[in-house]
N, C-alpha and C. Protein backbone atom coordinates (compact mmCIF):
# COMPACT_ATOMS: atom_id res chain seq x y z
N MET A 1 142.24 130.11 43.17
CA MET A 1 141.87 129.50 44.43
C MET A 1 140.80 130.35 45.09
N SER A 2 139.77 129.72 45.59
CA SER A 2 138.67 130.43 46.25
C SER A 2 138.95 130.57 47.73
N ASP A 3 138.44 131.64 48.27
CA ASP A 3 138.55 131.86 49.72
C ASP A 3 137.24 131.53 50.37
N LYS A 4 137.32 130.96 51.56
CA LYS A 4 136.10 130.73 52.34
C LYS A 4 135.59 132.09 52.80
N PRO A 5 134.26 132.24 52.88
CA PRO A 5 133.73 133.52 53.35
C PRO A 5 134.22 133.79 54.78
N SER A 6 134.57 135.05 55.04
CA SER A 6 135.05 135.40 56.37
C SER A 6 133.89 135.54 57.36
N ALA A 7 132.73 135.89 56.86
CA ALA A 7 131.55 136.02 57.72
C ALA A 7 130.79 134.70 57.76
N PRO A 8 130.01 134.47 58.83
CA PRO A 8 129.19 133.25 58.88
C PRO A 8 128.21 133.21 57.69
N VAL A 9 127.96 132.00 57.22
CA VAL A 9 127.04 131.80 56.10
C VAL A 9 125.65 131.50 56.65
N SER A 10 124.64 132.10 56.02
CA SER A 10 123.25 131.84 56.42
C SER A 10 122.40 131.74 55.17
N PHE A 11 121.21 131.15 55.35
CA PHE A 11 120.27 130.95 54.24
C PHE A 11 118.97 131.65 54.58
N ARG A 12 118.30 132.15 53.55
CA ARG A 12 116.97 132.72 53.74
C ARG A 12 116.23 132.73 52.41
N LYS A 13 114.92 132.91 52.51
CA LYS A 13 114.08 133.00 51.32
C LYS A 13 114.28 134.37 50.66
N MET A 14 114.35 134.37 49.34
CA MET A 14 114.49 135.60 48.58
C MET A 14 113.19 136.40 48.61
N VAL A 15 113.34 137.73 48.66
CA VAL A 15 112.21 138.65 48.53
C VAL A 15 112.51 139.61 47.38
N LEU A 16 111.52 140.37 46.97
CA LEU A 16 111.66 141.27 45.81
C LEU A 16 112.86 142.21 45.95
N ALA A 17 113.11 142.72 47.13
CA ALA A 17 114.22 143.65 47.34
C ALA A 17 115.57 143.01 47.07
N ASP A 18 115.64 141.69 47.02
CA ASP A 18 116.91 140.98 46.77
C ASP A 18 117.25 140.86 45.29
N VAL A 19 116.34 141.24 44.41
CA VAL A 19 116.56 141.03 42.97
C VAL A 19 117.89 141.62 42.49
N PRO A 20 118.26 142.85 42.83
CA PRO A 20 119.55 143.36 42.33
C PRO A 20 120.75 142.53 42.78
N ALA A 21 120.75 142.06 44.01
CA ALA A 21 121.86 141.25 44.51
C ALA A 21 121.90 139.89 43.80
N VAL A 22 120.74 139.30 43.57
CA VAL A 22 120.67 138.02 42.87
C VAL A 22 121.13 138.20 41.42
N TYR A 23 120.72 139.30 40.81
CA TYR A 23 121.13 139.58 39.43
C TYR A 23 122.66 139.74 39.34
N ARG A 24 123.27 140.33 40.36
CA ARG A 24 124.73 140.45 40.40
C ARG A 24 125.38 139.07 40.39
N VAL A 25 124.86 138.15 41.18
CA VAL A 25 125.39 136.78 41.21
C VAL A 25 125.16 136.11 39.85
N GLU A 26 123.96 136.28 39.30
CA GLU A 26 123.59 135.68 38.01
C GLU A 26 124.55 136.11 36.90
N THR A 27 124.83 137.42 36.82
CA THR A 27 125.70 137.91 35.74
C THR A 27 127.15 137.50 35.95
N ASP A 28 127.54 137.27 37.20
CA ASP A 28 128.88 136.79 37.50
C ASP A 28 129.03 135.32 37.10
N ALA A 29 127.94 134.57 37.16
CA ALA A 29 128.00 133.12 37.00
C ALA A 29 127.75 132.60 35.60
N PHE A 30 126.94 133.30 34.81
CA PHE A 30 126.47 132.71 33.55
C PHE A 30 126.79 133.56 32.33
N PRO A 31 127.15 132.91 31.21
CA PRO A 31 127.40 133.64 29.98
C PRO A 31 126.13 134.21 29.33
N ALA A 32 124.99 133.59 29.61
CA ALA A 32 123.70 134.07 29.10
C ALA A 32 122.76 134.22 30.30
N PRO A 33 122.97 135.27 31.11
CA PRO A 33 122.20 135.40 32.36
C PRO A 33 120.74 135.75 32.12
N TRP A 34 119.91 135.39 33.10
CA TRP A 34 118.54 135.86 33.11
C TRP A 34 118.59 137.38 33.29
N SER A 35 117.56 138.06 32.83
CA SER A 35 117.48 139.52 32.99
C SER A 35 116.99 139.87 34.39
N LEU A 36 117.25 141.11 34.76
CA LEU A 36 116.74 141.64 36.02
C LEU A 36 115.22 141.49 36.06
N GLU A 37 114.58 141.79 34.92
CA GLU A 37 113.12 141.71 34.82
C GLU A 37 112.62 140.28 35.01
N ALA A 38 113.38 139.30 34.55
CA ALA A 38 112.97 137.90 34.72
C ALA A 38 112.89 137.55 36.21
N PHE A 39 113.86 138.01 36.98
CA PHE A 39 113.82 137.74 38.42
C PHE A 39 112.68 138.50 39.09
N GLU A 40 112.43 139.72 38.64
CA GLU A 40 111.29 140.48 39.19
C GLU A 40 109.99 139.75 38.91
N GLN A 41 109.84 139.21 37.70
CA GLN A 41 108.62 138.48 37.35
C GLN A 41 108.49 137.21 38.19
N GLU A 42 109.60 136.54 38.45
CA GLU A 42 109.55 135.36 39.30
C GLU A 42 109.00 135.72 40.68
N MET A 43 109.44 136.84 41.21
CA MET A 43 109.00 137.26 42.55
C MET A 43 107.56 137.77 42.55
N LEU A 44 107.17 138.47 41.50
CA LEU A 44 105.86 139.13 41.48
C LEU A 44 104.73 138.27 40.91
N ARG A 45 105.04 137.42 39.94
CA ARG A 45 103.96 136.77 39.20
C ARG A 45 103.96 135.25 39.19
N ASN A 46 105.04 134.63 39.62
CA ASN A 46 105.12 133.17 39.54
C ASN A 46 104.83 132.57 40.92
N GLU A 47 103.62 132.09 41.09
CA GLU A 47 103.22 131.54 42.38
C GLU A 47 103.97 130.26 42.73
N TYR A 48 104.63 129.64 41.76
CA TYR A 48 105.36 128.39 42.00
C TYR A 48 106.83 128.63 42.36
N ALA A 49 107.31 129.87 42.16
CA ALA A 49 108.73 130.17 42.36
C ALA A 49 109.08 130.28 43.83
N TYR A 50 110.24 129.72 44.17
CA TYR A 50 110.79 129.82 45.52
C TYR A 50 112.31 129.87 45.36
N TYR A 51 112.91 130.91 45.92
CA TYR A 51 114.35 131.10 45.80
C TYR A 51 115.00 131.12 47.17
N VAL A 52 116.13 130.44 47.29
CA VAL A 52 116.90 130.39 48.52
C VAL A 52 118.19 131.18 48.30
N LEU A 53 118.48 132.09 49.21
CA LEU A 53 119.72 132.86 49.14
C LEU A 53 120.71 132.33 50.16
N VAL A 54 121.98 132.42 49.82
CA VAL A 54 123.05 132.16 50.78
C VAL A 54 123.82 133.47 50.92
N GLU A 55 124.01 133.86 52.18
CA GLU A 55 124.69 135.11 52.47
C GLU A 55 125.92 134.86 53.34
N ALA A 56 126.95 135.66 53.11
CA ALA A 56 128.11 135.73 54.01
C ALA A 56 128.00 137.11 54.64
N GLY A 57 127.62 137.14 55.90
CA GLY A 57 127.32 138.43 56.53
C GLY A 57 126.09 139.00 55.87
N GLU A 58 126.21 140.20 55.32
CA GLU A 58 125.09 140.87 54.63
C GLU A 58 125.13 140.68 53.11
N GLU A 59 126.18 140.03 52.60
CA GLU A 59 126.36 139.92 51.15
C GLU A 59 125.74 138.63 50.61
N VAL A 60 124.90 138.77 49.58
CA VAL A 60 124.37 137.60 48.87
C VAL A 60 125.50 137.05 48.01
N ILE A 61 125.90 135.80 48.29
CA ILE A 61 127.00 135.19 47.54
C ILE A 61 126.52 134.04 46.65
N GLY A 62 125.23 133.70 46.75
CA GLY A 62 124.69 132.65 45.91
C GLY A 62 123.20 132.53 46.08
N TYR A 63 122.59 131.81 45.16
CA TYR A 63 121.15 131.57 45.24
C TYR A 63 120.79 130.33 44.45
N ALA A 64 119.65 129.77 44.79
CA ALA A 64 119.07 128.67 44.03
C ALA A 64 117.59 128.97 43.86
N GLY A 65 117.10 128.80 42.65
CA GLY A 65 115.69 129.00 42.37
C GLY A 65 115.04 127.68 42.00
N MET A 66 113.79 127.54 42.42
CA MET A 66 113.04 126.33 42.04
C MET A 66 111.58 126.69 41.86
N TRP A 67 110.91 125.86 41.10
CA TRP A 67 109.47 125.93 40.97
C TRP A 67 108.91 124.71 41.69
N LEU A 68 107.98 124.95 42.59
CA LEU A 68 107.33 123.89 43.35
C LEU A 68 105.91 123.72 42.82
N ILE A 69 105.68 122.59 42.14
CA ILE A 69 104.38 122.30 41.54
C ILE A 69 103.93 120.93 42.02
N LEU A 70 102.85 120.94 42.80
CA LEU A 70 102.36 119.72 43.44
C LEU A 70 103.50 119.08 44.24
N ASP A 71 103.86 117.83 43.92
CA ASP A 71 104.92 117.18 44.69
C ASP A 71 106.25 117.15 43.94
N GLU A 72 106.39 118.03 42.96
CA GLU A 72 107.63 118.09 42.18
C GLU A 72 108.30 119.45 42.36
N SER A 73 109.62 119.42 42.38
CA SER A 73 110.39 120.67 42.39
C SER A 73 111.33 120.64 41.19
N HIS A 74 111.41 121.77 40.53
CA HIS A 74 112.28 121.90 39.36
C HIS A 74 113.26 123.04 39.63
N ILE A 75 114.54 122.73 39.67
CA ILE A 75 115.56 123.76 39.87
C ILE A 75 115.65 124.58 38.58
N THR A 76 115.47 125.89 38.71
CA THR A 76 115.57 126.77 37.55
C THR A 76 116.98 127.30 37.37
N ASN A 77 117.64 127.61 38.47
CA ASN A 77 119.01 128.09 38.40
C ASN A 77 119.68 128.00 39.77
N VAL A 78 120.98 127.80 39.71
CA VAL A 78 121.82 127.76 40.91
C VAL A 78 123.08 128.53 40.55
N ALA A 79 123.48 129.45 41.41
CA ALA A 79 124.69 130.22 41.12
C ALA A 79 125.37 130.64 42.41
N VAL A 80 126.68 130.64 42.37
CA VAL A 80 127.51 131.12 43.48
C VAL A 80 128.55 132.05 42.85
N LEU A 81 128.81 133.17 43.52
CA LEU A 81 129.84 134.08 43.02
C LEU A 81 131.15 133.32 42.78
N ALA A 82 131.83 133.67 41.70
CA ALA A 82 133.09 132.99 41.35
C ALA A 82 134.07 133.03 42.51
N SER A 83 134.07 134.11 43.26
CA SER A 83 135.02 134.26 44.37
C SER A 83 134.74 133.30 45.52
N HIS A 84 133.58 132.63 45.51
CA HIS A 84 133.22 131.71 46.59
C HIS A 84 133.06 130.27 46.12
N ARG A 85 133.35 130.01 44.85
CA ARG A 85 133.23 128.63 44.35
C ARG A 85 134.36 127.78 44.89
N GLY A 86 134.09 126.50 45.01
CA GLY A 86 135.10 125.57 45.50
C GLY A 86 135.25 125.57 47.02
N THR A 87 134.30 126.20 47.70
CA THR A 87 134.36 126.29 49.17
C THR A 87 133.29 125.45 49.86
N GLY A 88 132.45 124.77 49.07
CA GLY A 88 131.35 124.00 49.66
C GLY A 88 130.05 124.77 49.74
N ILE A 89 130.06 126.03 49.32
CA ILE A 89 128.85 126.86 49.38
C ILE A 89 127.77 126.28 48.46
N GLY A 90 128.13 125.88 47.26
CA GLY A 90 127.15 125.34 46.32
C GLY A 90 126.47 124.09 46.86
N GLU A 91 127.25 123.20 47.45
CA GLU A 91 126.68 121.99 48.03
C GLU A 91 125.74 122.33 49.19
N ALA A 92 126.18 123.21 50.08
CA ALA A 92 125.34 123.61 51.21
C ALA A 92 124.05 124.26 50.71
N LEU A 93 124.15 125.08 49.69
CA LEU A 93 122.98 125.75 49.11
C LEU A 93 122.01 124.72 48.52
N MET A 94 122.53 123.75 47.78
CA MET A 94 121.66 122.72 47.21
C MET A 94 121.00 121.89 48.30
N ARG A 95 121.76 121.53 49.32
CA ARG A 95 121.17 120.74 50.42
C ARG A 95 120.06 121.53 51.11
N GLU A 96 120.25 122.82 51.32
CA GLU A 96 119.23 123.65 51.94
C GLU A 96 118.00 123.78 51.02
N THR A 97 118.23 123.91 49.74
CA THR A 97 117.12 124.01 48.78
C THR A 97 116.33 122.71 48.75
N MET A 98 117.02 121.58 48.79
CA MET A 98 116.35 120.29 48.83
C MET A 98 115.53 120.15 50.12
N ARG A 99 116.12 120.57 51.23
CA ARG A 99 115.42 120.51 52.52
C ARG A 99 114.13 121.34 52.48
N ARG A 100 114.23 122.54 51.93
CA ARG A 100 113.05 123.40 51.85
C ARG A 100 112.00 122.85 50.89
N ALA A 101 112.43 122.20 49.82
CA ALA A 101 111.48 121.57 48.89
C ALA A 101 110.70 120.47 49.60
N ILE A 102 111.41 119.65 50.39
CA ILE A 102 110.75 118.57 51.14
C ILE A 102 109.72 119.14 52.10
N ILE A 103 110.09 120.18 52.83
CA ILE A 103 109.17 120.82 53.78
C ILE A 103 107.90 121.29 53.08
N ARG A 104 108.04 121.71 51.83
CA ARG A 104 106.90 122.23 51.06
C ARG A 104 106.19 121.12 50.27
N GLY A 105 106.52 119.86 50.56
CA GLY A 105 105.77 118.75 49.99
C GLY A 105 106.34 118.11 48.75
N ALA A 106 107.52 118.55 48.30
CA ALA A 106 108.10 117.96 47.10
C ALA A 106 108.66 116.57 47.39
N ARG A 107 108.45 115.69 46.45
CA ARG A 107 108.97 114.32 46.58
C ARG A 107 110.07 114.03 45.56
N THR A 108 110.11 114.84 44.50
CA THR A 108 111.15 114.69 43.48
C THR A 108 111.73 116.07 43.15
N MET A 109 112.92 116.05 42.57
CA MET A 109 113.56 117.29 42.12
C MET A 109 114.24 117.00 40.80
N THR A 110 114.11 117.93 39.85
CA THR A 110 114.76 117.80 38.55
C THR A 110 115.53 119.09 38.26
N LEU A 111 116.46 118.98 37.33
CA LEU A 111 117.21 120.14 36.88
C LEU A 111 117.86 119.83 35.55
N GLU A 112 118.31 120.88 34.87
CA GLU A 112 119.13 120.74 33.67
C GLU A 112 120.50 121.34 33.99
N VAL A 113 121.53 120.72 33.44
CA VAL A 113 122.89 121.20 33.62
C VAL A 113 123.63 121.06 32.29
N ARG A 114 124.51 122.01 31.99
CA ARG A 114 125.30 121.91 30.76
C ARG A 114 126.08 120.60 30.77
N VAL A 115 126.11 119.92 29.64
CA VAL A 115 126.85 118.67 29.57
C VAL A 115 128.33 118.91 29.86
N SER A 116 128.84 120.09 29.60
CA SER A 116 130.26 120.40 29.83
C SER A 116 130.57 120.81 31.27
N ASN A 117 129.54 121.00 32.10
CA ASN A 117 129.76 121.49 33.46
C ASN A 117 130.00 120.31 34.41
N GLU A 118 131.19 119.76 34.32
CA GLU A 118 131.53 118.58 35.12
C GLU A 118 131.50 118.84 36.62
N PRO A 119 131.98 120.00 37.12
CA PRO A 119 131.90 120.23 38.56
C PRO A 119 130.45 120.19 39.08
N ALA A 120 129.53 120.81 38.36
CA ALA A 120 128.13 120.79 38.78
C ALA A 120 127.55 119.38 38.67
N ARG A 121 127.85 118.69 37.59
CA ARG A 121 127.34 117.32 37.42
C ARG A 121 127.82 116.44 38.57
N ASN A 122 129.09 116.59 38.94
CA ASN A 122 129.63 115.80 40.06
C ASN A 122 128.92 116.14 41.36
N LEU A 123 128.66 117.41 41.60
CA LEU A 123 127.94 117.80 42.81
C LEU A 123 126.55 117.18 42.82
N TYR A 124 125.84 117.26 41.71
CA TYR A 124 124.48 116.72 41.67
C TYR A 124 124.49 115.21 41.89
N ARG A 125 125.47 114.52 41.31
CA ARG A 125 125.59 113.08 41.55
C ARG A 125 125.82 112.80 43.04
N LYS A 126 126.69 113.59 43.66
CA LYS A 126 126.98 113.44 45.09
C LYS A 126 125.71 113.60 45.92
N LEU A 127 124.80 114.45 45.45
CA LEU A 127 123.54 114.72 46.15
C LEU A 127 122.45 113.70 45.79
N GLY A 128 122.79 112.71 44.98
CA GLY A 128 121.84 111.64 44.68
C GLY A 128 121.09 111.79 43.37
N PHE A 129 121.44 112.78 42.56
CA PHE A 129 120.77 112.95 41.27
C PHE A 129 121.25 111.90 40.28
N LYS A 130 120.32 111.46 39.45
CA LYS A 130 120.60 110.50 38.39
C LYS A 130 120.41 111.19 37.04
N GLU A 131 121.11 110.67 36.04
CA GLU A 131 120.97 111.23 34.69
C GLU A 131 119.70 110.69 34.05
N GLY A 132 118.90 111.60 33.48
CA GLY A 132 117.62 111.19 32.93
C GLY A 132 117.48 111.34 31.43
N GLY A 133 118.27 112.18 30.81
CA GLY A 133 118.14 112.39 29.38
C GLY A 133 118.87 113.64 28.95
N ILE A 134 118.79 113.92 27.65
CA ILE A 134 119.47 115.08 27.06
C ILE A 134 118.44 115.98 26.41
N ARG A 135 118.57 117.29 26.63
CA ARG A 135 117.80 118.28 25.88
C ARG A 135 118.78 118.90 24.88
N ARG A 136 118.60 118.55 23.61
CA ARG A 136 119.51 118.99 22.56
C ARG A 136 119.38 120.51 22.33
N GLY A 137 120.53 121.19 22.25
CA GLY A 137 120.56 122.62 21.92
C GLY A 137 119.87 123.50 22.95
N TYR A 138 119.82 123.08 24.18
CA TYR A 138 119.04 123.75 25.23
C TYR A 138 119.53 125.16 25.54
N TYR A 139 120.84 125.35 25.56
CA TYR A 139 121.39 126.65 25.97
C TYR A 139 121.51 127.58 24.77
N THR A 140 120.87 128.74 24.89
CA THR A 140 120.75 129.66 23.75
C THR A 140 122.05 130.38 23.42
N ASP A 141 122.98 130.50 24.37
CA ASP A 141 124.20 131.25 24.09
C ASP A 141 125.13 130.51 23.13
N ASN A 142 125.14 129.17 23.21
CA ASN A 142 126.05 128.42 22.33
C ASN A 142 125.45 127.13 21.77
N GLY A 143 124.17 126.89 22.05
CA GLY A 143 123.51 125.70 21.54
C GLY A 143 123.91 124.41 22.23
N GLU A 144 124.58 124.53 23.37
CA GLU A 144 125.02 123.33 24.10
C GLU A 144 123.83 122.53 24.60
N ASP A 145 124.03 121.23 24.67
CA ASP A 145 123.00 120.33 25.20
C ASP A 145 122.94 120.43 26.71
N ALA A 146 121.77 120.14 27.25
CA ALA A 146 121.58 120.06 28.70
C ALA A 146 121.35 118.60 29.08
N LEU A 147 121.95 118.22 30.19
CA LEU A 147 121.69 116.92 30.77
C LEU A 147 120.59 117.11 31.80
N VAL A 148 119.51 116.33 31.68
CA VAL A 148 118.43 116.36 32.66
C VAL A 148 118.79 115.39 33.77
N MET A 149 118.71 115.88 35.00
CA MET A 149 119.01 115.03 36.15
C MET A 149 117.83 115.10 37.11
N TRP A 150 117.65 114.06 37.91
CA TRP A 150 116.52 114.02 38.84
C TRP A 150 116.90 113.20 40.06
N THR A 151 116.16 113.43 41.12
CA THR A 151 116.32 112.63 42.33
C THR A 151 115.00 112.57 43.08
N GLU A 152 114.85 111.52 43.85
CA GLU A 152 113.75 111.44 44.79
C GLU A 152 114.22 112.08 46.08
N LEU A 153 113.39 112.91 46.65
CA LEU A 153 113.76 113.61 47.89
C LEU A 153 113.37 112.80 49.10
N THR A 154 114.28 112.68 50.03
CA THR A 154 114.00 111.97 51.28
C THR A 154 114.45 112.83 52.44
N GLU A 155 113.75 112.70 53.53
CA GLU A 155 114.10 113.53 54.70
C GLU A 155 115.32 113.01 55.40
């Protein structure tokens, strides 16, 4: 059972100094996590990258990354610490990420999700995402397929 954060939750844009905290969430959430260096490169070299953090007090408890290219946004990763899952944090984080994408001119959003990740698929459906196709063998840790989902963003 997950506990709701005791501190108020807030959102902000990720900066380079946040990489270690984001990496902590990443390694808690995924069997094949991105490297610390990958997040550093996103912050330093990827002009399209935009990451939203969710904090409980001073602690980063989740993040969502996206690439904003013209009027499209592509979610690269979404993660919430296991200790905070099932509390609505993931939904709030996705809604905030979608809001920020709209502000920056995005009209559509896409993402890939493991076909076995039913909780995430249900959340994305709740947020208006539709199933678009399958990427066979997408996940390198076990060769699992990814379901491509997309939505049109509206204010």
